Amino acid sequence: MPENSSSGNGGYTYKSSGINSQFCIIHAVYTSISSNLNKGNHYCARDYGSSAANSNSYHYSNSNGSYYYSNPNGSTYYNNGQGSATYTPPSGKK
């Protein structure tokens, strides 16, 4: 899908995707993950507009099976690919 094209069914604008070969997605998460992840595999960013709690959401996955989602509602989800996962709900919600 070309950059900045609209999706008809998701309510978002596609921003970018590709291969993550450097520590370039989010430094804070990568600093707590093994340095072997710099081989990374995939990322995708979407713009959900100004009405979303997190208008610039994205996700990435790595060759070791770990993945991270930053969702439009402000929540995040990280799975280390080894059976452990962390979900952070949107701010102010339980």
C-alpha atoms as a PDB file:
ATOM      1  CA  MET A   1       0.000   0.000   0.000  1.00  0.00           C
ATOM      2  CA  PRO A   2       1.534   3.385  -0.913  1.00  0.00           C
ATOM      3  CA  GLU A   3       2.482   5.797   1.837  1.00  0.00           C
ATOM      4  CA  ASN A   4      -0.372   8.033   3.038  1.00  0.00           C
ATOM      5  CA  SER A   5      -3.104   6.067   1.311  1.00  0.00           C
ATOM      6  CA  SER A   6      -6.379   5.574   3.168  1.00  0.00           C
ATOM      7  CA  SER A   7      -7.882   2.338   4.311  1.00  0.00           C
ATOM      8  CA  GLY A   8     -11.606   1.955   3.758  1.00  0.00           C
ATOM      9  CA  ASN A   9     -12.382  -0.338   6.674  1.00  0.00           C
ATOM     10  CA  GLY A  10     -10.100   0.523   9.581  1.00  0.00           C
ATOM     11  CA  GLY A  11     -10.601   4.236  10.149  1.00  0.00           C
ATOM     12  CA  TYR A  12      -6.906   4.949   9.768  1.00  0.00           C
ATOM     13  CA  THR A  13      -4.383   6.268   7.282  1.00  0.00           C
ATOM     14  CA  TYR A  14      -1.490   3.962   6.489  1.00  0.00           C
ATOM     15  CA  LYS A  15       1.824   5.691   7.223  1.00  0.00           C
ATOM     16  CA  SER A  16       4.723   3.313   6.701  1.00  0.00           C
ATOM     17  CA  SER A  17       6.012  -0.202   7.037  1.00  0.00           C
ATOM     18  CA  GLY A  18       9.193  -2.054   6.366  1.00  0.00           C
ATOM     19  CA  ILE A  19      12.109  -3.975   7.748  1.00  0.00           C
ATOM     20  CA  ASN A  20      13.600  -2.762  11.006  1.00  0.00           C
ATOM     21  CA  SER A  21      17.336  -3.374  10.741  1.00  0.00           C
ATOM     22  CA  GLN A  22      18.435  -0.838  13.356  1.00  0.00           C
ATOM     23  CA  PHE A  23      17.344   0.242  16.828  1.00  0.00           C
ATOM     24  CA  CYS A  24      14.957   2.745  15.328  1.00  0.00           C
ATOM     25  CA  ILE A  25      11.399   2.024  16.457  1.00  0.00           C
ATOM     26  CA  ILE A  26      11.264   2.972  20.112  1.00  0.00           C
ATOM     27  CA  HIS A  27      14.443   3.332  22.095  1.00  0.00           C
ATOM     28  CA  ALA A  28      12.790   2.861  25.492  1.00  0.00           C
ATOM     29  CA  VAL A  29      11.498  -0.594  24.639  1.00  0.00           C
ATOM     30  CA  TYR A  30      14.653  -1.703  22.865  1.00  0.00           C
ATOM     31  CA  THR A  31      16.859  -0.734  25.784  1.00  0.00           C
ATOM     32  CA  SER A  32      15.119  -3.352  27.903  1.00  0.00           C
ATOM     33  CA  ILE A  33      15.335  -6.062  25.232  1.00  0.00           C
ATOM     34  CA  SER A  34      18.337  -8.130  24.197  1.00  0.00           C
ATOM     35  CA  SER A  35      20.671  -6.473  21.709  1.00  0.00           C
ATOM     36  CA  ASN A  36      20.077  -9.426  19.376  1.00  0.00           C
ATOM     37  CA  LEU A  37      16.819  -7.784  18.319  1.00  0.00           C
ATOM     38  CA  ASN A  38      18.602  -5.283  16.107  1.00  0.00           C
ATOM     39  CA  LYS A  39      18.026  -7.804  13.339  1.00  0.00           C
ATOM     40  CA  GLY A  40      14.268  -7.009  13.610  1.00  0.00           C
ATOM     41  CA  ASN A  41      11.697  -8.005  11.065  1.00  0.00           C
ATOM     42  CA  HIS A  42       8.656  -5.853  10.538  1.00  0.00           C
ATOM     43  CA  TYR A  43       7.007  -2.616  11.571  1.00  0.00           C
ATOM     44  CA  CYS A  44       3.857  -0.825  10.519  1.00  0.00           C
ATOM     45  CA  ALA A  45       2.643   2.657  11.508  1.00  0.00           C
ATOM     46  CA  ARG A  46      -0.886   4.021  11.136  1.00  0.00           C
ATOM     47  CA  ASP A  47      -2.420   7.444  11.731  1.00  0.00           C
ATOM     48  CA  TYR A  48      -5.849   7.213  13.373  1.00  0.00           C
ATOM     49  CA  GLY A  49      -6.368  10.979  13.418  1.00  0.00           C
ATOM     50  CA  SER A  50      -6.641  13.548  16.180  1.00  0.00           C
ATOM     51  CA  SER A  51      -9.678  11.936  17.843  1.00  0.00           C
ATOM     52  CA  ALA A  52      -7.668   8.850  18.863  1.00  0.00           C
ATOM     53  CA  ALA A  53      -5.889   8.792  22.232  1.00  0.00           C
ATOM     54  CA  ASN A  54      -2.766   7.699  20.331  1.00  0.00           C
ATOM     55  CA  SER A  55      -3.216   8.917  16.777  1.00  0.00           C
ATOM     56  CA  ASN A  56       0.143   7.565  15.601  1.00  0.00           C
ATOM     57  CA  SER A  57      -0.089   3.931  16.595  1.00  0.00           C
ATOM     58  CA  TYR A  58       2.264   1.243  15.351  1.00  0.00           C
ATOM     59  CA  HIS A  59       3.378  -2.308  15.861  1.00  0.00           C
ATOM     60  CA  TYR A  60       6.559  -4.211  15.263  1.00  0.00           C
ATOM     61  CA  SER A  61       7.690  -7.807  15.387  1.00  0.00           C
ATOM     62  CA  ASN A  62      11.130  -9.355  15.620  1.00  0.00           C
ATOM     63  CA  SER A  63      12.742 -12.503  14.308  1.00  0.00           C
ATOM     64  CA  ASN A  64      12.829 -14.012  17.813  1.00  0.00           C
ATOM     65  CA  GLY A  65       9.020 -13.994  18.027  1.00  0.00           C
ATOM     66  CA  SER A  66       8.679 -10.894  20.206  1.00  0.00           C
ATOM     67  CA  TYR A  67       6.296  -8.125  19.221  1.00  0.00           C
ATOM     68  CA  TYR A  68       4.979  -4.781  20.460  1.00  0.00           C
ATOM     69  CA  TYR A  69       1.743  -2.896  19.788  1.00  0.00           C
ATOM     70  CA  SER A  70       1.089   0.757  20.551  1.00  0.00           C
ATOM     71  CA  ASN A  71      -2.676   0.982  20.045  1.00  0.00           C
ATOM     72  CA  PRO A  72      -4.910   3.909  19.025  1.00  0.00           C
ATOM     73  CA  ASN A  73      -6.753   3.798  22.385  1.00  0.00           C
ATOM     74  CA  GLY A  74      -3.474   4.492  24.223  1.00  0.00           C
ATOM     75  CA  SER A  75      -2.870   0.941  25.424  1.00  0.00           C
ATOM     76  CA  THR A  76       0.286  -1.025  24.711  1.00  0.00           C
ATOM     77  CA  TYR A  77       1.023  -4.723  24.485  1.00  0.00           C
ATOM     78  CA  TYR A  78       4.422  -6.384  24.522  1.00  0.00           C
ATOM     79  CA  ASN A  79       5.052 -10.107  24.086  1.00  0.00           C
ATOM     80  CA  ASN A  80       8.635 -11.292  24.499  1.00  0.00           C
ATOM     81  CA  GLY A  81       8.100 -14.369  22.323  1.00  0.00           C
ATOM     82  CA  GLN A  82       8.988 -16.667  25.212  1.00  0.00           C
ATOM     83  CA  GLY A  83       5.656 -16.903  27.020  1.00  0.00           C
ATOM     84  CA  SER A  84       5.654 -13.576  28.844  1.00  0.00           C
ATOM     85  CA  ALA A  85       3.475 -10.617  27.909  1.00  0.00           C
ATOM     86  CA  THR A  86       2.736  -7.171  29.333  1.00  0.00           C
ATOM     87  CA  TYR A  87      -0.433  -5.189  28.672  1.00  0.00           C
ATOM     88  CA  THR A  88      -0.671  -1.548  29.714  1.00  0.00           C
ATOM     89  CA  PRO A  89      -4.225  -0.157  29.608  1.00  0.00           C
ATOM     90  CA  PRO A  90      -5.033   3.341  28.366  1.00  0.00           C
ATOM     91  CA  SER A  91      -4.274   6.129  30.869  1.00  0.00           C
ATOM     92  CA  GLY A  92      -6.876   6.513  33.574  1.00  0.00           C
ATOM     93  CA  LYS A  93      -8.563   3.175  32.878  1.00  0.00           C
ATOM     94  CA  LYS A  94      -8.457  -0.047  34.860  1.00  0.00           C
END
